[in-house]
Amino acid sequence: MAKVLYIKASPREERSYSNSMAKVFLDAYKEANPGDTLETLDLWKTDLPAFDLTASSGKYKIMAGQPHSEEEKLAWNKVVQTIEQFKSADKFVLSAPMWNFSIPYRLKQYIDIITQPGLTFSYDPEKGYTGLVTGKPVLFVLARGGEYPEGTPAVAFDHQTSYLKTIFAFMGFTDMSAILVEPTLMAGPEAAEKKVASLIEKTKEKAKNF
């Protein structure tokens, strides 16, 4: 039995193309894998720990074995707990819209929290960086107002897909795939709905083999 962590990064609820397509995927996945568990992490309804002066100071002091305050320890422990929740999953589904060619700030905050040395990656002077979250698949369900096809000048503006694949690879992920819902704005609502309709069966099929 596997645990799937669904990371939801759009605040638009059912009006979100990324949320809606992720629901299609997850409903099909649950039907194909009734024994698996699904945990949803809605980043807009979750009290993410602030990685502020207290947390960052506690991090470096604790890692260096230096004296730290109780406040620093508590702040760093909240970060560790968030990472432990993330690492407890066997599979990951992340849905997000494109904001200003990249990702929503709540998702960036979450990634900054969980990307920590000794927990999701390590560093060796001779070997360099090594990801510590391995052998687990991640699916990105991404919605964008425009289109960013490979081999075109537009792809240079796609810092959504490229960043997510880069940072997850940094943490150790090698099994990464994506469902792209585009364009949702550029060509008008009819084109957007047509694209969504064309993806539904493909998304359901992908869920059966995830």
Protein backbone atom coordinates (compact mmCIF):
# COMPACT_ATOMS: atom_id res chain seq x y z
CA MET A 1 0.00 0.00 0.00
CA ALA A 2 1.43 3.37 -1.05
CA LYS A 3 0.92 6.87 0.30
CA VAL A 4 0.36 9.63 -2.25
CA LEU A 5 1.00 13.23 -1.22
CA TYR A 6 -0.96 15.72 -3.29
CA ILE A 7 0.57 19.20 -3.08
CA LYS A 8 -2.02 21.76 -4.16
CA ALA A 9 -0.59 25.15 -5.10
CA SER A 10 -3.50 27.05 -6.65
CA PRO A 11 -5.85 29.15 -4.46
CA ARG A 12 -8.63 29.16 -7.08
CA GLU A 13 -10.33 25.95 -5.91
CA GLU A 14 -12.64 24.50 -8.61
CA ARG A 15 -11.96 27.45 -10.95
CA SER A 16 -8.36 26.31 -11.25
CA TYR A 17 -7.37 24.31 -14.32
CA SER A 18 -4.47 22.71 -12.44
CA ASN A 19 -6.72 21.72 -9.52
CA SER A 20 -9.39 20.34 -11.84
CA MET A 21 -6.98 18.24 -13.89
CA ALA A 22 -5.28 16.96 -10.75
CA LYS A 23 -8.70 15.84 -9.49
CA VAL A 24 -9.26 13.88 -12.72
CA PHE A 25 -5.90 12.19 -12.20
CA LEU A 26 -6.40 11.46 -8.50
CA ASP A 27 -9.96 10.14 -8.93
CA ALA A 28 -8.70 7.72 -11.59
CA TYR A 29 -5.72 6.78 -9.42
CA LYS A 30 -7.92 6.01 -6.41
CA GLU A 31 -10.19 3.86 -8.57
CA ALA A 32 -7.20 1.89 -9.85
CA ASN A 33 -5.48 1.72 -6.42
CA PRO A 34 -8.22 1.54 -3.76
CA GLY A 35 -5.78 0.32 -1.10
CA ASP A 36 -3.49 3.35 -1.34
CA THR A 37 -3.85 6.42 0.86
CA LEU A 38 -4.06 10.02 -0.33
CA GLU A 39 -2.97 13.00 1.72
CA THR A 40 -3.73 16.48 0.42
CA LEU A 41 -1.48 19.40 1.33
CA ASP A 42 -3.26 22.61 0.37
CA LEU A 43 -0.52 25.22 0.56
CA TRP A 44 -3.08 28.04 0.88
CA LYS A 45 -4.73 26.45 3.93
CA THR A 46 -1.57 25.18 5.63
CA ASP A 47 0.35 27.15 8.24
CA LEU A 48 3.77 26.86 6.65
CA PRO A 49 6.64 27.64 9.02
CA ALA A 50 8.44 30.88 8.29
CA PHE A 51 12.06 30.36 7.36
CA ASP A 52 13.05 33.59 9.09
CA LEU A 53 16.00 34.70 11.20
CA THR A 54 15.03 32.44 14.10
CA ALA A 55 14.62 29.31 11.97
CA SER A 56 17.72 29.90 9.85
CA SER A 57 19.83 30.75 12.88
CA GLY A 58 18.62 27.61 14.66
CA LYS A 59 19.36 25.53 11.57
CA TYR A 60 23.02 26.51 11.36
CA LYS A 61 23.61 26.35 15.11
CA ILE A 62 22.04 22.90 15.45
CA MET A 63 23.89 21.59 12.38
CA ALA A 64 27.17 22.89 13.79
CA GLY A 65 26.50 21.51 17.27
CA GLN A 66 26.51 25.02 18.73
CA PRO A 67 24.36 26.28 21.61
CA HIS A 68 20.94 27.43 20.46
CA SER A 69 17.93 28.98 22.14
CA GLU A 70 14.69 27.11 22.79
CA GLU A 71 12.98 29.46 20.35
CA GLU A 72 15.48 28.58 17.63
CA LYS A 73 15.06 24.87 18.31
CA LEU A 74 11.26 25.09 18.08
CA ALA A 75 11.43 27.06 14.82
CA TRP A 76 13.84 24.56 13.24
CA ASN A 77 11.79 21.60 14.49
CA LYS A 78 8.76 22.93 12.59
CA VAL A 79 10.86 22.91 9.42
CA VAL A 80 12.00 19.34 10.11
CA GLN A 81 8.42 18.20 10.73
CA THR A 82 7.35 19.66 7.37
CA ILE A 83 10.18 17.78 5.66
CA GLU A 84 9.30 14.54 7.44
CA GLN A 85 5.70 14.84 6.23
CA PHE A 86 6.99 15.32 2.69
CA LYS A 87 9.42 12.40 2.85
CA SER A 88 6.81 10.05 4.35
CA ALA A 89 5.05 9.81 0.98
CA ASP A 90 5.78 7.15 -1.63
CA LYS A 91 4.42 9.11 -4.59
CA PHE A 92 3.82 12.80 -5.25
CA VAL A 93 1.34 14.80 -7.30
CA LEU A 94 1.91 18.56 -7.48
CA SER A 95 -0.54 20.88 -9.19
CA ALA A 96 0.26 24.53 -9.81
CA PRO A 97 -0.59 27.44 -12.08
CA MET A 98 2.04 29.56 -13.78
CA TRP A 99 2.43 32.95 -12.12
CA ASN A 100 4.65 35.49 -13.88
CA PHE A 101 6.32 32.68 -15.86
CA SER A 102 7.14 30.78 -12.63
CA ILE A 103 5.30 29.33 -9.62
CA PRO A 104 3.08 30.80 -6.85
CA TYR A 105 4.96 32.22 -3.89
CA ARG A 106 3.38 29.74 -1.47
CA LEU A 107 4.83 26.85 -3.47
CA LYS A 108 8.23 28.56 -3.56
CA GLN A 109 8.05 29.00 0.23
CA TYR A 110 7.24 25.31 0.67
CA ILE A 111 10.13 24.27 -1.56
CA ASP A 112 12.51 26.56 0.32
CA ILE A 113 11.41 24.90 3.57
CA ILE A 114 11.85 21.29 2.44
CA THR A 115 15.10 21.71 0.49
CA GLN A 116 17.54 21.35 3.39
CA PRO A 117 21.01 19.75 3.71
CA GLY A 118 21.10 16.43 5.50
CA LEU A 119 17.37 15.98 5.02
CA THR A 120 16.56 16.15 1.31
CA PHE A 121 20.09 16.53 -0.09
CA SER A 122 23.69 16.11 1.04
CA TYR A 123 27.01 17.58 0.03
CA ASP A 124 30.43 15.99 -0.23
CA PRO A 125 33.52 18.02 -1.25
CA GLU A 126 34.57 15.26 -3.64
CA LYS A 127 31.19 14.01 -4.92
CA GLY A 128 29.27 17.27 -4.79
CA TYR A 129 25.52 17.33 -4.16
CA THR A 130 23.43 14.17 -3.78
CA GLY A 131 19.65 14.04 -3.55
CA LEU A 132 18.27 12.04 -0.63
CA VAL A 133 14.66 11.55 -1.77
CA THR A 134 15.02 8.68 -4.21
CA GLY A 135 12.96 5.95 -5.85
CA LYS A 136 9.74 7.97 -5.73
CA PRO A 137 7.76 9.31 -8.72
CA VAL A 138 6.37 12.83 -8.98
CA LEU A 139 3.76 14.12 -11.39
CA PHE A 140 3.46 17.85 -12.08
CA VAL A 141 0.01 19.04 -13.20
CA LEU A 142 0.70 22.52 -14.56
CA ALA A 143 -1.65 25.11 -16.01
CA ARG A 144 -0.49 28.14 -17.98
CA GLY A 145 -2.26 30.98 -19.75
CA GLY A 146 0.05 30.77 -22.76
CA GLU A 147 1.92 28.03 -24.60
CA TYR A 148 5.63 27.27 -24.25
CA PRO A 149 6.49 24.53 -26.78
CA GLU A 150 9.95 22.99 -26.85
CA GLY A 151 12.04 24.30 -29.73
CA THR A 152 10.35 27.73 -29.79
CA PRO A 153 11.50 31.09 -28.37
CA ALA A 154 8.60 30.95 -25.90
CA VAL A 155 10.20 28.10 -23.95
CA ALA A 156 12.73 30.57 -22.54
CA PHE A 157 9.91 32.08 -20.49
CA ASP A 158 8.85 28.77 -18.94
CA HIS A 159 10.44 28.97 -15.51
CA GLN A 160 7.60 26.88 -14.07
CA THR A 161 8.43 23.48 -15.56
CA SER A 162 12.19 24.02 -15.65
CA TYR A 163 12.41 25.12 -12.01
CA LEU A 164 10.26 22.29 -10.65
CA LYS A 165 12.17 19.64 -12.58
CA THR A 166 15.50 21.14 -11.51
CA ILE A 167 14.72 21.41 -7.81
CA PHE A 168 13.08 17.98 -7.58
CA ALA A 169 16.04 16.43 -9.41
CA PHE A 170 18.29 18.19 -6.91
CA MET A 171 16.40 16.43 -4.10
CA GLY A 172 16.92 13.05 -5.81
CA PHE A 173 13.88 12.56 -8.03
CA THR A 174 14.48 10.85 -11.37
CA ASP A 175 10.95 9.67 -12.21
CA MET A 176 9.30 12.97 -13.15
CA SER A 177 6.45 13.56 -15.58
CA ALA A 178 4.07 16.41 -16.34
CA ILE A 179 0.58 17.13 -17.59
CA LEU A 180 0.46 20.58 -19.19
CA VAL A 181 -2.86 22.38 -19.45
CA GLU A 182 -2.18 25.18 -21.95
CA PRO A 183 -3.21 27.68 -23.21
CA THR A 184 -5.87 28.59 -20.65
CA LEU A 185 -6.07 32.31 -21.53
CA MET A 186 -4.20 33.19 -24.73
CA ALA A 187 -6.64 31.62 -27.20
CA GLY A 188 -9.86 32.21 -25.26
CA PRO A 189 -12.17 30.02 -23.12
CA GLU A 190 -13.32 27.73 -25.93
CA ALA A 191 -9.75 26.74 -26.78
CA ALA A 192 -9.00 26.20 -23.11
CA GLU A 193 -11.98 23.90 -22.64
CA LYS A 194 -11.10 22.02 -25.81
CA LYS A 195 -7.58 21.43 -24.49
CA VAL A 196 -8.92 20.24 -21.14
CA ALA A 197 -11.27 17.81 -22.87
CA SER A 198 -8.41 16.43 -24.97
CA LEU A 199 -6.36 15.70 -21.84
CA ILE A 200 -8.95 13.90 -19.71
CA GLU A 201 -8.60 10.38 -21.12
CA LYS A 202 -4.81 10.67 -21.33
CA THR A 203 -4.74 11.82 -17.71
CA LYS A 204 -6.91 8.92 -16.55
CA GLU A 205 -4.70 6.45 -18.39
CA LYS A 206 -1.59 7.98 -16.86
CA ALA A 207 -3.11 7.59 -13.41
CA LYS A 208 -3.55 3.83 -13.86
CA ASN A 209 0.19 3.38 -14.33
CA PHE A 210 1.48 5.86 -11.75
